[in-house]
Amino acid sequence: MSETDTNAAEENGPQLRVVTQYIKDLSFESPNAPHSLTQQSGPPQISVHVDVGVRKLAESDYEVDLKLNVDAKSEDKQLFIVELVYSGIFRLANIPQESLQPVLLIECPRQIFPFARRIVADVVRDGGFPPLMIDPIDFSGLYRQQMAQAQAEASAQATPDA
């Protein structure tokens, strides 16, 4: 295969490019500081909520928002709350229509997650707590869960009340 054939194959094949990525919204709260910064009697209870949103910007450009909400408590007292919307602009080309939604909701957030994870770790550390390293997220499982929920809601709306 010549170099020209290789370039043509690359141009016609599926393409996903990160154009840019950025913090869209960031909030850190430590409502009980400085008392919450003292040694706790046990490990904190930390919950992490993840959501992904997509908005079409142009013919081939999409903004993907990765939303992370972290809530940390100890003995029913709030330690800290982190809310982060980390976004990326992605340029997609030659993606089949049936693959577009999975690419946007699985692959795009997977690519920007490590950056969002670092931001959360840094802001928690800068807030006086040990850095919080969020476990890797199964975006494929999250996508399947969202699709199942959407199907359940659609079938509930389609079912007439008895």
C-alpha atoms as a PDB file:
ATOM      1  CA  MET A   1       0.000   0.000   0.000  1.00  0.00           C
ATOM      2  CA  SER A   2       1.411   3.373  -0.959  1.00  0.00           C
ATOM      3  CA  GLU A   3       1.539   6.405   1.302  1.00  0.00           C
ATOM      4  CA  THR A   4      -1.293   7.984  -0.705  1.00  0.00           C
ATOM      5  CA  ASP A   5      -3.478   4.899  -0.155  1.00  0.00           C
ATOM      6  CA  THR A   6      -2.707   4.993   3.569  1.00  0.00           C
ATOM      7  CA  ASN A   7      -3.685   8.677   3.815  1.00  0.00           C
ATOM      8  CA  ALA A   8      -6.911   8.041   1.896  1.00  0.00           C
ATOM      9  CA  ALA A   9      -7.786   5.127   4.206  1.00  0.00           C
ATOM     10  CA  GLU A  10      -7.131   7.306   7.263  1.00  0.00           C
ATOM     11  CA  GLU A  11      -9.298  10.112   5.856  1.00  0.00           C
ATOM     12  CA  ASN A  12     -12.184   7.743   5.078  1.00  0.00           C
ATOM     13  CA  GLY A  13     -11.976   5.742   8.293  1.00  0.00           C
ATOM     14  CA  PRO A  14     -13.680   6.727  11.552  1.00  0.00           C
ATOM     15  CA  GLN A  15     -11.978   9.667  13.216  1.00  0.00           C
ATOM     16  CA  LEU A  16     -12.274  11.109  16.700  1.00  0.00           C
ATOM     17  CA  ARG A  17     -10.249  14.173  17.636  1.00  0.00           C
ATOM     18  CA  VAL A  18     -10.174  16.159  20.845  1.00  0.00           C
ATOM     19  CA  VAL A  19     -10.246  19.791  19.700  1.00  0.00           C
ATOM     20  CA  THR A  20     -10.008  21.214  23.222  1.00  0.00           C
ATOM     21  CA  GLN A  21     -10.932  20.398  26.806  1.00  0.00           C
ATOM     22  CA  TYR A  22     -11.662  22.676  29.737  1.00  0.00           C
ATOM     23  CA  ILE A  23     -13.228  23.186  33.151  1.00  0.00           C
ATOM     24  CA  LYS A  24     -16.765  24.423  32.548  1.00  0.00           C
ATOM     25  CA  ASP A  25     -17.812  24.585  36.195  1.00  0.00           C
ATOM     26  CA  LEU A  26     -16.002  23.804  39.439  1.00  0.00           C
ATOM     27  CA  SER A  27     -17.164  24.117  43.023  1.00  0.00           C
ATOM     28  CA  PHE A  28     -15.541  22.981  46.259  1.00  0.00           C
ATOM     29  CA  GLU A  29     -17.235  23.405  49.623  1.00  0.00           C
ATOM     30  CA  SER A  30     -15.987  22.507  53.075  1.00  0.00           C
ATOM     31  CA  PRO A  31     -18.884  23.803  55.179  1.00  0.00           C
ATOM     32  CA  ASN A  32     -17.571  22.565  58.524  1.00  0.00           C
ATOM     33  CA  ALA A  33     -13.969  23.727  58.217  1.00  0.00           C
ATOM     34  CA  PRO A  34     -11.806  23.986  60.205  1.00  0.00           C
ATOM     35  CA  HIS A  35     -13.422  21.312  62.411  1.00  0.00           C
ATOM     36  CA  SER A  36     -13.758  18.916  59.477  1.00  0.00           C
ATOM     37  CA  LEU A  37      -9.998  19.083  58.885  1.00  0.00           C
ATOM     38  CA  THR A  38      -9.125  17.428  62.202  1.00  0.00           C
ATOM     39  CA  GLN A  39      -8.547  13.705  62.494  1.00  0.00           C
ATOM     40  CA  GLN A  40     -11.796  11.762  62.044  1.00  0.00           C
ATOM     41  CA  SER A  41     -12.636   8.687  64.111  1.00  0.00           C
ATOM     42  CA  GLY A  42     -13.130   6.547  60.999  1.00  0.00           C
ATOM     43  CA  PRO A  43     -12.894   6.634  57.243  1.00  0.00           C
ATOM     44  CA  PRO A  44     -15.230   9.071  55.505  1.00  0.00           C
ATOM     45  CA  GLN A  45     -18.237   7.926  53.510  1.00  0.00           C
ATOM     46  CA  ILE A  46     -17.647   9.173  49.970  1.00  0.00           C
ATOM     47  CA  SER A  47     -20.200   8.996  47.193  1.00  0.00           C
ATOM     48  CA  VAL A  48     -19.420   9.860  43.592  1.00  0.00           C
ATOM     49  CA  HIS A  49     -22.154  10.569  41.058  1.00  0.00           C
ATOM     50  CA  VAL A  50     -21.263  10.609  37.358  1.00  0.00           C
ATOM     51  CA  ASP A  51     -23.268  11.935  34.428  1.00  0.00           C
ATOM     52  CA  VAL A  52     -22.456  12.624  30.797  1.00  0.00           C
ATOM     53  CA  GLY A  53     -24.132  15.203  28.576  1.00  0.00           C
ATOM     54  CA  VAL A  54     -23.684  15.895  24.867  1.00  0.00           C
ATOM     55  CA  ARG A  55     -24.481  18.952  22.786  1.00  0.00           C
ATOM     56  CA  LYS A  56     -23.977  19.260  19.031  1.00  0.00           C
ATOM     57  CA  LEU A  57     -22.053  22.425  18.148  1.00  0.00           C
ATOM     58  CA  ALA A  58     -21.516  22.072  14.399  1.00  0.00           C
ATOM     59  CA  GLU A  59     -21.800  19.455  11.675  1.00  0.00           C
ATOM     60  CA  SER A  60     -18.992  17.324  13.103  1.00  0.00           C
ATOM     61  CA  ASP A  61     -18.260  19.018  16.459  1.00  0.00           C
ATOM     62  CA  TYR A  62     -19.773  17.982  19.782  1.00  0.00           C
ATOM     63  CA  GLU A  63     -19.353  19.262  23.315  1.00  0.00           C
ATOM     64  CA  VAL A  64     -19.229  16.420  25.834  1.00  0.00           C
ATOM     65  CA  ASP A  65     -19.731  17.314  29.502  1.00  0.00           C
ATOM     66  CA  LEU A  66     -18.433  14.938  32.163  1.00  0.00           C
ATOM     67  CA  LYS A  67     -20.187  15.814  35.420  1.00  0.00           C
ATOM     68  CA  LEU A  68     -18.682  14.566  38.679  1.00  0.00           C
ATOM     69  CA  ASN A  69     -20.366  15.213  42.038  1.00  0.00           C
ATOM     70  CA  VAL A  70     -18.501  14.066  45.132  1.00  0.00           C
ATOM     71  CA  ASP A  71     -20.016  14.088  48.610  1.00  0.00           C
ATOM     72  CA  ALA A  72     -17.841  13.207  51.628  1.00  0.00           C
ATOM     73  CA  LYS A  73     -19.214  12.804  55.148  1.00  0.00           C
ATOM     74  CA  SER A  74     -17.907  11.545  58.436  1.00  0.00           C
ATOM     75  CA  GLU A  75     -20.253  10.647  61.252  1.00  0.00           C
ATOM     76  CA  ASP A  76     -23.100  12.432  59.411  1.00  0.00           C
ATOM     77  CA  LYS A  77     -21.076  15.653  59.259  1.00  0.00           C
ATOM     78  CA  GLN A  78     -20.261  17.108  55.866  1.00  0.00           C
ATOM     79  CA  LEU A  79     -16.536  17.070  55.119  1.00  0.00           C
ATOM     80  CA  PHE A  80     -16.576  18.390  51.574  1.00  0.00           C
ATOM     81  CA  ILE A  81     -18.556  18.601  48.358  1.00  0.00           C
ATOM     82  CA  VAL A  82     -16.994  18.801  44.894  1.00  0.00           C
ATOM     83  CA  GLU A  83     -18.979  19.562  41.769  1.00  0.00           C
ATOM     84  CA  LEU A  84     -17.084  19.492  38.491  1.00  0.00           C
ATOM     85  CA  VAL A  85     -18.236  19.803  34.901  1.00  0.00           C
ATOM     86  CA  TYR A  86     -15.258  19.014  32.709  1.00  0.00           C
ATOM     87  CA  SER A  87     -15.911  19.394  29.004  1.00  0.00           C
ATOM     88  CA  GLY A  88     -14.296  18.506  25.744  1.00  0.00           C
ATOM     89  CA  ILE A  89     -14.969  19.538  22.190  1.00  0.00           C
ATOM     90  CA  PHE A  90     -14.717  16.508  19.921  1.00  0.00           C
ATOM     91  CA  ARG A  91     -14.578  16.457  16.132  1.00  0.00           C
ATOM     92  CA  LEU A  92     -15.991  13.261  14.679  1.00  0.00           C
ATOM     93  CA  ALA A  93     -15.741  12.152  11.075  1.00  0.00           C
ATOM     94  CA  ASN A  94     -16.901   9.046   9.242  1.00  0.00           C
ATOM     95  CA  ILE A  95     -18.647   7.615  12.302  1.00  0.00           C
ATOM     96  CA  PRO A  96     -21.683   5.509  11.311  1.00  0.00           C
ATOM     97  CA  GLN A  97     -24.936   6.963  12.644  1.00  0.00           C
ATOM     98  CA  GLU A  98     -25.647   3.851  14.758  1.00  0.00           C
ATOM     99  CA  SER A  99     -22.248   4.253  16.450  1.00  0.00           C
ATOM    100  CA  LEU A 100     -22.453   7.992  17.055  1.00  0.00           C
ATOM    101  CA  GLN A 101     -24.241   7.894  20.421  1.00  0.00           C
ATOM    102  CA  PRO A 102     -21.984   5.196  21.944  1.00  0.00           C
ATOM    103  CA  VAL A 103     -18.874   7.067  20.761  1.00  0.00           C
ATOM    104  CA  LEU A 104     -20.114  10.319  22.306  1.00  0.00           C
ATOM    105  CA  LEU A 105     -21.282   8.767  25.586  1.00  0.00           C
ATOM    106  CA  ILE A 106     -18.561   6.141  26.096  1.00  0.00           C
ATOM    107  CA  GLU A 107     -15.355   6.952  24.227  1.00  0.00           C
ATOM    108  CA  CYS A 108     -15.357  10.753  24.569  1.00  0.00           C
ATOM    109  CA  PRO A 109     -15.824  10.844  28.363  1.00  0.00           C
ATOM    110  CA  ARG A 110     -13.304   8.004  28.698  1.00  0.00           C
ATOM    111  CA  GLN A 111     -10.716  10.216  27.014  1.00  0.00           C
ATOM    112  CA  ILE A 112     -11.256  13.240  29.276  1.00  0.00           C
ATOM    113  CA  PHE A 113     -11.842  11.355  32.551  1.00  0.00           C
ATOM    114  CA  PRO A 114      -8.159  11.222  33.623  1.00  0.00           C
ATOM    115  CA  PHE A 115      -7.981  15.033  33.486  1.00  0.00           C
ATOM    116  CA  ALA A 116     -11.200  15.448  35.494  1.00  0.00           C
ATOM    117  CA  ARG A 117      -9.939  12.883  38.014  1.00  0.00           C
ATOM    118  CA  ARG A 118      -6.738  14.883  38.530  1.00  0.00           C
ATOM    119  CA  ILE A 119      -8.697  18.118  39.015  1.00  0.00           C
ATOM    120  CA  VAL A 120     -10.853  16.503  41.719  1.00  0.00           C
ATOM    121  CA  ALA A 121      -7.765  15.066  43.461  1.00  0.00           C
ATOM    122  CA  ASP A 122      -6.015  18.439  43.371  1.00  0.00           C
ATOM    123  CA  VAL A 123      -8.957  20.502  44.614  1.00  0.00           C
ATOM    124  CA  VAL A 124      -9.649  18.070  47.483  1.00  0.00           C
ATOM    125  CA  ARG A 125      -5.958  18.178  48.454  1.00  0.00           C
ATOM    126  CA  ASP A 126      -5.919  21.982  48.193  1.00  0.00           C
ATOM    127  CA  GLY A 127      -9.003  21.995  50.437  1.00  0.00           C
ATOM    128  CA  GLY A 128      -6.943  20.415  53.222  1.00  0.00           C
ATOM    129  CA  PHE A 129      -7.913  16.750  52.765  1.00  0.00           C
ATOM    130  CA  PRO A 130      -5.968  13.798  51.371  1.00  0.00           C
ATOM    131  CA  PRO A 131      -6.255  13.726  47.557  1.00  0.00           C
ATOM    132  CA  LEU A 132      -9.279  11.783  46.344  1.00  0.00           C
ATOM    133  CA  MET A 133      -8.404   9.431  43.514  1.00  0.00           C
ATOM    134  CA  ILE A 134     -11.707   8.456  41.897  1.00  0.00           C
ATOM    135  CA  ASP A 135     -11.750   4.852  40.692  1.00  0.00           C
ATOM    136  CA  PRO A 136     -11.902   4.320  36.925  1.00  0.00           C
ATOM    137  CA  ILE A 137     -15.429   4.632  35.564  1.00  0.00           C
ATOM    138  CA  ASP A 138     -17.102   2.028  33.359  1.00  0.00           C
ATOM    139  CA  PHE A 139     -18.602   4.412  30.794  1.00  0.00           C
ATOM    140  CA  SER A 140     -19.895   1.465  28.774  1.00  0.00           C
ATOM    141  CA  GLY A 141     -21.847   0.226  31.808  1.00  0.00           C
ATOM    142  CA  LEU A 142     -23.081   3.751  32.518  1.00  0.00           C
ATOM    143  CA  TYR A 143     -24.268   4.021  28.893  1.00  0.00           C
ATOM    144  CA  ARG A 144     -26.124   0.694  29.107  1.00  0.00           C
ATOM    145  CA  GLN A 145     -27.732   1.823  32.373  1.00  0.00           C
ATOM    146  CA  GLN A 146     -28.863   5.128  30.803  1.00  0.00           C
ATOM    147  CA  MET A 147     -30.287   3.312  27.756  1.00  0.00           C
ATOM    148  CA  ALA A 148     -32.174   0.830  29.948  1.00  0.00           C
ATOM    149  CA  GLN A 149     -33.584   3.695  32.021  1.00  0.00           C
ATOM    150  CA  ALA A 150     -34.650   5.576  28.872  1.00  0.00           C
ATOM    151  CA  GLN A 151     -36.351   2.452  27.516  1.00  0.00           C
ATOM    152  CA  ALA A 152     -38.154   1.880  30.825  1.00  0.00           C
ATOM    153  CA  GLU A 153     -39.376   5.485  30.862  1.00  0.00           C
ATOM    154  CA  ALA A 154     -40.511   5.252  27.231  1.00  0.00           C
ATOM    155  CA  SER A 155     -42.434   2.034  27.849  1.00  0.00           C
ATOM    156  CA  ALA A 156     -44.004   3.485  31.012  1.00  0.00           C
ATOM    157  CA  GLN A 157     -45.230   6.494  29.017  1.00  0.00           C
ATOM    158  CA  ALA A 158     -46.516   4.241  26.216  1.00  0.00           C
ATOM    159  CA  THR A 159     -48.500   2.078  28.633  1.00  0.00           C
ATOM    160  CA  PRO A 160     -51.957   3.581  29.179  1.00  0.00           C
ATOM    161  CA  ASP A 161     -53.200   3.834  32.758  1.00  0.00           C
ATOM    162  CA  ALA A 162     -55.642   1.101  33.697  1.00  0.00           C
END
